[in-house]
Amino acid sequence: MPQRKRMFLAVVLLLSFLVMANEGAAHPPSSIDLRFEPAGRLLVVGFKHLVQDGQSHYIKEVQVLINGKAFARVEFYAQAGKDAGQVSMGLPEVKQGDLVSVKATCNKFGEIKKDLRIP
């Protein structure tokens, strides 16, 4: 095999490895769980996001919309647990039938969205 072809093949393999390694390290949250506690008018947002180092790879933001309108945005600068996290917030004005939409965003790559209709 000519040297140019070997060099090209080596570069392609190296780039492929780097892309795969980066995708393995950066990923969106794997799931999000929404729960409304009517007694306290409280929204509990739980997310699963497996990381090795919660200081460098974490959920950076949780956004909440009510009926399509921005309600709250919570920013994080680390993830305390290596596999999950949770945030709670009061929804004093929410009523039965309202649609609560939540988006959790990873600081490295990806996001997950979920909706909850208030019972």
Protein backbone atom coordinates (compact mmCIF):
# COMPACT_ATOMS: atom_id res chain seq x y z
CA MET A 1 0.00 0.00 0.00
CA PRO A 2 1.48 3.38 -0.94
CA GLN A 3 2.51 5.63 1.93
CA ARG A 4 -0.08 8.33 1.08
CA LYS A 5 -2.92 5.81 1.35
CA ARG A 6 -1.56 4.54 4.68
CA MET A 7 -1.35 8.08 6.01
CA PHE A 8 -4.89 8.87 4.83
CA LEU A 9 -6.22 5.67 6.41
CA ALA A 10 -4.43 6.46 9.69
CA VAL A 11 -5.90 9.97 9.78
CA VAL A 12 -9.42 8.68 9.06
CA LEU A 13 -9.13 6.05 11.80
CA LEU A 14 -7.81 8.60 14.29
CA LEU A 15 -10.60 11.07 13.54
CA SER A 16 -13.20 8.30 13.82
CA PHE A 17 -11.81 7.30 17.21
CA LEU A 18 -11.84 10.89 18.46
CA VAL A 19 -15.44 11.43 17.35
CA MET A 20 -16.61 8.22 19.02
CA ALA A 21 -14.72 9.00 22.23
CA ASN A 22 -16.25 12.48 22.43
CA GLU A 23 -19.77 11.16 21.83
CA GLY A 24 -19.30 8.65 24.63
CA ALA A 25 -18.27 11.37 27.07
CA ALA A 26 -20.99 13.89 26.19
CA HIS A 27 -24.62 12.89 26.22
CA PRO A 28 -28.02 14.29 27.06
CA PRO A 29 -29.90 13.29 30.21
CA SER A 30 -31.27 9.76 29.78
CA SER A 31 -34.64 10.51 31.36
CA ILE A 32 -36.66 13.16 33.12
CA ASP A 33 -39.43 12.62 35.67
CA LEU A 34 -42.06 15.28 36.44
CA ARG A 35 -44.29 15.16 39.48
CA PHE A 36 -46.79 17.73 40.70
CA GLU A 37 -47.63 17.74 44.40
CA PRO A 38 -50.97 19.56 44.67
CA ALA A 39 -50.89 20.02 48.46
CA GLY A 40 -47.81 22.25 48.25
CA ARG A 41 -48.40 23.36 44.63
CA LEU A 42 -44.91 22.01 44.00
CA LEU A 43 -43.29 20.75 40.79
CA VAL A 44 -40.56 18.16 41.32
CA VAL A 45 -38.20 17.60 38.38
CA GLY A 46 -35.94 14.56 38.59
CA PHE A 47 -33.42 13.69 35.90
CA LYS A 48 -31.08 10.80 35.21
CA HIS A 49 -27.69 11.81 33.82
CA LEU A 50 -24.79 9.41 34.34
CA VAL A 51 -21.44 11.23 34.64
CA GLN A 52 -17.98 10.40 35.94
CA ASP A 53 -17.19 13.91 37.15
CA GLY A 54 -20.11 16.13 38.17
CA GLN A 55 -17.83 19.18 38.24
CA SER A 56 -17.06 19.09 34.51
CA HIS A 57 -20.12 17.26 33.09
CA TYR A 58 -23.55 18.12 34.46
CA ILE A 59 -27.06 19.37 33.76
CA LYS A 60 -26.47 23.08 33.25
CA GLU A 61 -30.05 24.28 33.01
CA VAL A 62 -33.67 23.32 33.65
CA GLN A 63 -36.28 25.49 31.91
CA VAL A 64 -39.97 25.45 32.82
CA LEU A 65 -42.81 26.76 30.66
CA ILE A 66 -46.47 26.93 31.64
CA ASN A 67 -48.87 26.86 28.70
CA GLY A 68 -45.99 27.81 26.40
CA LYS A 69 -44.88 30.84 28.42
CA ALA A 70 -41.51 30.98 30.19
CA PHE A 71 -41.98 30.50 33.93
CA ALA A 72 -38.56 29.65 35.39
CA ARG A 73 -34.98 28.86 34.47
CA VAL A 74 -32.67 27.21 36.98
CA GLU A 75 -28.93 27.16 36.25
CA PHE A 76 -26.48 24.64 37.70
CA TYR A 77 -22.69 24.72 37.81
CA ALA A 78 -22.12 21.12 38.91
CA GLN A 79 -24.02 17.87 39.44
CA ALA A 80 -23.93 16.56 43.03
CA GLY A 81 -24.68 12.93 42.19
CA LYS A 82 -22.96 10.82 39.56
CA ASP A 83 -26.20 9.49 38.14
CA ALA A 84 -29.09 11.86 38.84
CA GLY A 85 -30.32 15.17 40.16
CA GLN A 86 -33.50 16.91 41.24
CA VAL A 87 -34.95 20.38 41.53
CA SER A 88 -38.26 21.51 43.02
CA MET A 89 -40.18 24.74 42.56
CA GLY A 90 -43.47 26.21 43.61
CA LEU A 91 -46.19 26.72 40.99
CA PRO A 92 -48.61 28.95 42.92
CA GLU A 93 -50.72 30.06 39.94
CA VAL A 94 -50.98 26.75 38.07
CA LYS A 95 -54.49 25.32 37.62
CA GLN A 96 -56.04 22.06 36.53
CA GLY A 97 -55.48 21.44 32.82
CA ASP A 98 -52.41 23.69 32.51
CA LEU A 99 -49.52 22.26 30.49
CA VAL A 100 -46.13 22.37 32.21
CA SER A 101 -43.16 21.80 29.86
CA VAL A 102 -39.68 21.12 31.18
CA LYS A 103 -36.36 20.98 29.35
CA ALA A 104 -33.10 19.79 30.96
CA THR A 105 -29.88 20.64 29.11
CA CYS A 106 -26.44 19.03 29.50
CA ASN A 107 -23.46 21.41 29.62
CA LYS A 108 -21.63 19.29 27.04
CA PHE A 109 -24.25 17.94 24.66
CA GLY A 110 -27.97 17.41 24.33
CA GLU A 111 -31.22 18.00 26.09
CA ILE A 112 -34.42 16.22 27.02
CA LYS A 113 -37.96 17.59 27.17
CA LYS A 114 -41.11 16.39 28.86
CA ASP A 115 -44.62 17.72 29.40
CA LEU A 116 -46.99 17.32 32.33
CA ARG A 117 -50.68 18.18 32.26
CA ILE A 118 -51.78 19.37 35.70
CA PRO A 119 -54.48 16.97 36.98
